[in-house]
Amino acid sequence: MNLNDISHLKLNLDIDLNKLKSELATLNTSYRFENYHSIFFGAQTKYRKAWSGISLYGTNGSIHNDFYEGSPELGTIEPTELESVVPYMFDVVNRIYGDSPKSRVRLMRISPKSSLLWHSHVQEHGQVESELTIQIPIDCPTGFKYCVVDKNEFKWWKRFHKPNWFKSLSEFEMEEGNAYYFNSYHYHNVFNPTNKYRTALMFYVDSNHPHIKELINNSL
């Protein structure tokens, strides 16, 4: 199966949601989530209001520096100070990575009554096709939607289109406490019509690595 042909895939992994929620509660009371500062045209104000996060693995071990798009990413990806604060989150992430190389790992929030813009990591932002996006929702209110549309239907002037304006729309919800491959090859967006934050772990894995290949194959 070509993963580009599906919108998402639930990974075969046991995760303790209660432990994730307990550690998230600690972060929510003790740490600041940094607003995302985009250089993407039309996204600067919207993203600062809609998107925020904190890093588990960051450039040079920083918890906030990787939320400034376009800033020089000089240094190495290292665990942040949160390693001793949210050890179970690190355990889950490390189990998924195995011995494959790590990327930035961030806990990302979508604000109430918010969405992002339609975008593609591969078509627009330089992500290679073999790099897969992983999402692990921890707080995901009912009604929060993940959406993917085919790249061949998308045009730049459809950046603000509503989901149901696309014929190729795949719209779905993800369950808290499960890990998913999420299609970032095609154009995608998220929509939070609720009064609560959606919070999820988000990171990238190399699908060419044997450990990741085995995880994907075991989940198909």
Protein backbone atom coordinates (compact mmCIF):
# COMPACT_ATOMS: atom_id res chain seq x y z
CA MET A 1 0.00 0.00 0.00
CA ASN A 2 1.19 3.52 -0.83
CA LEU A 3 0.69 5.59 2.33
CA ASN A 4 0.15 8.68 0.16
CA ASP A 5 -3.14 7.10 -0.93
CA ILE A 6 -4.69 7.07 2.57
CA SER A 7 -5.53 9.96 4.88
CA HIS A 8 -4.38 8.32 8.13
CA LEU A 9 -3.46 5.03 9.74
CA LYS A 10 -3.83 3.99 13.36
CA LEU A 11 -0.57 2.46 14.58
CA ASN A 12 -0.51 -0.83 16.45
CA LEU A 13 0.84 0.49 19.73
CA ASP A 14 -0.36 0.22 23.34
CA ILE A 15 -0.51 3.63 25.03
CA ASP A 16 -1.77 4.52 28.51
CA LEU A 17 -3.98 7.58 27.96
CA ASN A 18 -4.35 8.28 31.70
CA LYS A 19 -0.57 8.66 32.05
CA LEU A 20 -0.46 11.02 29.06
CA LYS A 21 -3.28 13.14 30.47
CA SER A 22 -1.67 13.27 33.91
CA GLU A 23 1.61 14.52 32.47
CA LEU A 24 -0.18 17.01 30.22
CA ALA A 25 -1.96 18.43 33.28
CA THR A 26 1.46 19.01 34.87
CA LEU A 27 2.68 20.87 31.78
CA ASN A 28 -0.49 22.95 31.56
CA THR A 29 0.01 24.25 35.10
CA SER A 30 3.81 24.59 35.15
CA TYR A 31 4.95 25.53 31.63
CA ARG A 32 4.15 28.08 28.95
CA PHE A 33 3.10 27.00 25.47
CA GLU A 34 4.78 29.18 22.82
CA ASN A 35 2.64 30.62 20.01
CA TYR A 36 3.69 29.46 16.54
CA HIS A 37 5.36 32.23 14.54
CA SER A 38 4.89 31.47 10.83
CA ILE A 39 6.49 33.21 7.84
CA PHE A 40 3.94 31.55 5.52
CA PHE A 41 1.94 34.14 3.53
CA GLY A 42 -1.44 34.78 5.14
CA ALA A 43 -0.68 32.65 8.19
CA GLN A 44 1.26 34.95 10.50
CA THR A 45 -1.61 36.32 12.60
CA LYS A 46 -3.83 33.26 12.27
CA TYR A 47 -1.17 30.81 13.41
CA ARG A 48 -0.08 32.89 16.40
CA LYS A 49 -3.67 32.78 17.64
CA ALA A 50 -4.52 29.22 16.65
CA TRP A 51 -1.35 27.17 17.18
CA SER A 52 0.99 26.82 20.14
CA GLY A 53 3.27 24.22 21.63
CA ILE A 54 6.29 23.10 23.58
CA SER A 55 9.15 20.77 22.56
CA LEU A 56 10.11 17.38 23.98
CA TYR A 57 12.97 17.08 21.50
CA GLY A 58 14.17 20.43 20.20
CA THR A 59 17.05 22.13 18.46
CA ASN A 60 19.88 22.21 21.01
CA GLY A 61 17.39 21.03 23.61
CA SER A 62 15.26 24.20 23.56
CA ILE A 63 11.62 23.96 24.59
CA HIS A 64 10.45 27.04 22.63
CA ASN A 65 12.92 28.00 19.87
CA ASP A 66 11.48 25.65 17.24
CA PHE A 67 8.24 27.62 17.10
CA TYR A 68 9.81 30.46 15.10
CA GLU A 69 9.53 29.42 11.45
CA GLY A 70 12.41 30.43 9.22
CA SER A 71 14.92 30.91 12.05
CA PRO A 72 18.29 29.17 11.52
CA GLU A 73 18.08 25.56 12.71
CA LEU A 74 21.71 25.25 13.69
CA GLY A 75 22.52 22.53 16.14
CA THR A 76 21.37 19.03 16.97
CA ILE A 77 18.03 17.58 18.03
CA GLU A 78 18.27 16.86 21.74
CA PRO A 79 15.86 16.03 24.57
CA THR A 80 14.63 19.08 26.44
CA GLU A 81 14.28 19.67 30.18
CA LEU A 82 10.81 18.07 29.93
CA GLU A 83 12.43 14.62 29.88
CA SER A 84 12.25 14.53 33.69
CA VAL A 85 8.78 16.13 33.78
CA VAL A 86 6.88 13.95 31.29
CA PRO A 87 8.81 10.64 31.26
CA TYR A 88 5.90 8.60 29.93
CA MET A 89 5.50 10.87 26.89
CA PHE A 90 9.19 10.34 26.18
CA ASP A 91 8.75 6.60 26.59
CA VAL A 92 5.94 6.52 24.00
CA VAL A 93 7.90 8.65 21.54
CA ASN A 94 11.06 6.59 22.00
CA ARG A 95 9.17 3.33 21.46
CA ILE A 96 7.89 4.63 18.12
CA TYR A 97 11.32 5.81 17.02
CA GLY A 98 13.21 2.74 18.18
CA ASP A 99 16.74 3.12 16.83
CA SER A 100 15.66 5.40 13.95
CA PRO A 101 16.84 9.04 13.87
CA LYS A 102 14.74 11.53 15.80
CA SER A 103 13.21 14.76 14.54
CA ARG A 104 11.74 17.64 16.52
CA VAL A 105 9.03 16.30 18.83
CA ARG A 106 6.46 18.84 19.90
CA LEU A 107 3.31 18.94 21.95
CA MET A 108 0.99 21.04 19.78
CA ARG A 109 -2.24 22.79 20.75
CA ILE A 110 -5.04 24.06 18.50
CA SER A 111 -7.01 26.86 20.16
CA PRO A 112 -10.79 26.76 20.63
CA LYS A 113 -12.81 27.94 17.60
CA SER A 114 -9.71 27.79 15.39
CA SER A 115 -8.27 26.20 12.29
CA LEU A 116 -5.02 26.42 10.33
CA LEU A 117 -4.62 26.96 6.58
CA TRP A 118 -4.64 24.25 3.94
CA HIS A 119 -1.01 23.25 3.41
CA SER A 120 1.21 20.36 2.39
CA HIS A 121 4.52 19.55 4.05
CA VAL A 122 5.80 17.80 0.92
CA GLN A 123 4.38 19.99 -1.85
CA GLU A 124 5.31 23.29 -0.16
CA HIS A 125 7.67 22.91 2.80
CA GLY A 126 10.44 20.60 1.63
CA GLN A 127 9.47 17.46 3.54
CA VAL A 128 10.62 14.37 1.62
CA GLU A 129 7.98 11.76 0.78
CA SER A 130 9.62 9.14 2.99
CA GLU A 131 9.24 11.35 6.07
CA LEU A 132 5.96 10.52 7.79
CA THR A 133 3.99 12.71 10.17
CA ILE A 134 2.91 11.09 13.45
CA GLN A 135 0.11 12.43 15.66
CA ILE A 136 -0.85 11.25 19.15
CA PRO A 137 -3.95 13.10 20.39
CA ILE A 138 -4.06 13.50 24.16
CA ASP A 139 -6.87 16.03 24.64
CA CYS A 140 -9.09 15.89 21.54
CA PRO A 141 -12.59 17.29 22.04
CA THR A 142 -15.49 15.64 20.25
CA GLY A 143 -16.08 17.46 16.99
CA PHE A 144 -12.43 18.24 16.27
CA LYS A 145 -11.78 17.32 12.63
CA TYR A 146 -8.69 16.31 10.68
CA CYS A 147 -9.05 16.90 6.95
CA VAL A 148 -7.07 15.85 3.87
CA VAL A 149 -7.71 16.75 0.21
CA ASP A 150 -5.91 15.52 -2.89
CA LYS A 151 -3.02 17.70 -4.05
CA ASN A 152 -4.38 17.65 -7.61
CA GLU A 153 -7.56 19.42 -6.52
CA PHE A 154 -5.78 22.11 -4.53
CA LYS A 155 -4.88 25.57 -5.86
CA TRP A 156 -3.22 28.41 -3.94
CA TRP A 157 -6.41 30.45 -3.95
CA LYS A 158 -8.23 27.64 -2.10
CA ARG A 159 -6.12 28.25 1.00
CA PHE A 160 -9.13 29.43 3.04
CA HIS A 161 -11.72 27.06 1.52
CA LYS A 162 -14.15 25.24 3.77
CA PRO A 163 -13.68 21.46 3.89
CA ASN A 164 -16.93 20.61 2.10
CA TRP A 165 -15.91 22.73 -0.89
CA PHE A 166 -13.45 19.97 -1.90
CA LYS A 167 -14.69 16.91 -3.80
CA SER A 168 -11.72 14.79 -2.64
CA LEU A 169 -12.21 15.60 1.06
CA SER A 170 -11.39 12.97 3.66
CA GLU A 171 -12.67 14.21 7.04
CA PHE A 172 -12.22 12.21 10.24
CA GLU A 173 -11.63 12.25 13.99
CA MET A 174 -8.76 10.61 15.87
CA GLU A 175 -9.12 8.87 19.21
CA GLU A 176 -7.25 10.12 22.25
CA GLY A 177 -4.39 7.91 23.36
CA ASN A 178 -3.69 6.37 19.96
CA ALA A 179 -0.79 7.02 17.60
CA TYR A 180 -1.51 7.73 13.94
CA TYR A 181 0.28 8.25 10.68
CA PHE A 182 -1.29 11.45 9.27
CA ASN A 183 -1.01 12.26 5.57
CA SER A 184 1.11 15.40 5.09
CA TYR A 185 1.86 14.61 1.42
CA HIS A 186 -1.51 15.94 0.29
CA TYR A 187 -3.09 19.18 1.49
CA HIS A 188 -4.51 19.08 4.98
CA ASN A 189 -6.00 21.19 7.72
CA VAL A 190 -7.56 20.82 11.17
CA PHE A 191 -10.73 22.40 12.51
CA ASN A 192 -11.63 22.94 16.16
CA PRO A 193 -15.24 24.19 16.49
CA THR A 194 -15.26 23.46 20.24
CA ASN A 195 -14.55 25.57 23.32
CA LYS A 196 -11.57 23.40 24.34
CA TYR A 197 -7.95 23.05 23.23
CA ARG A 198 -6.89 20.08 21.14
CA THR A 199 -3.45 18.90 22.33
CA ALA A 200 -1.41 16.24 20.53
CA LEU A 201 2.15 15.02 20.24
CA MET A 202 3.47 15.63 16.72
CA PHE A 203 6.73 14.46 15.14
CA TYR A 204 8.27 12.89 12.04
CA VAL A 205 9.72 9.45 11.29
CA ASP A 206 11.73 8.00 8.41
CA SER A 207 9.65 5.35 6.62
CA ASN A 208 12.79 3.88 5.05
CA HIS A 209 14.17 2.82 8.42
CA PRO A 210 13.63 -0.91 9.20
CA HIS A 211 12.05 -0.25 12.62
CA ILE A 212 9.54 2.23 11.16
CA LYS A 213 8.80 -0.08 8.22
CA GLU A 214 7.99 -2.88 10.65
CA LEU A 215 5.74 -0.61 12.74
CA ILE A 216 3.81 0.52 9.65
CA ASN A 217 3.52 -3.00 8.22
CA ASN A 218 2.24 -4.34 11.54
CA SER A 219 -0.41 -1.60 11.56
CA LEU A 220 -1.77 -2.11 8.03
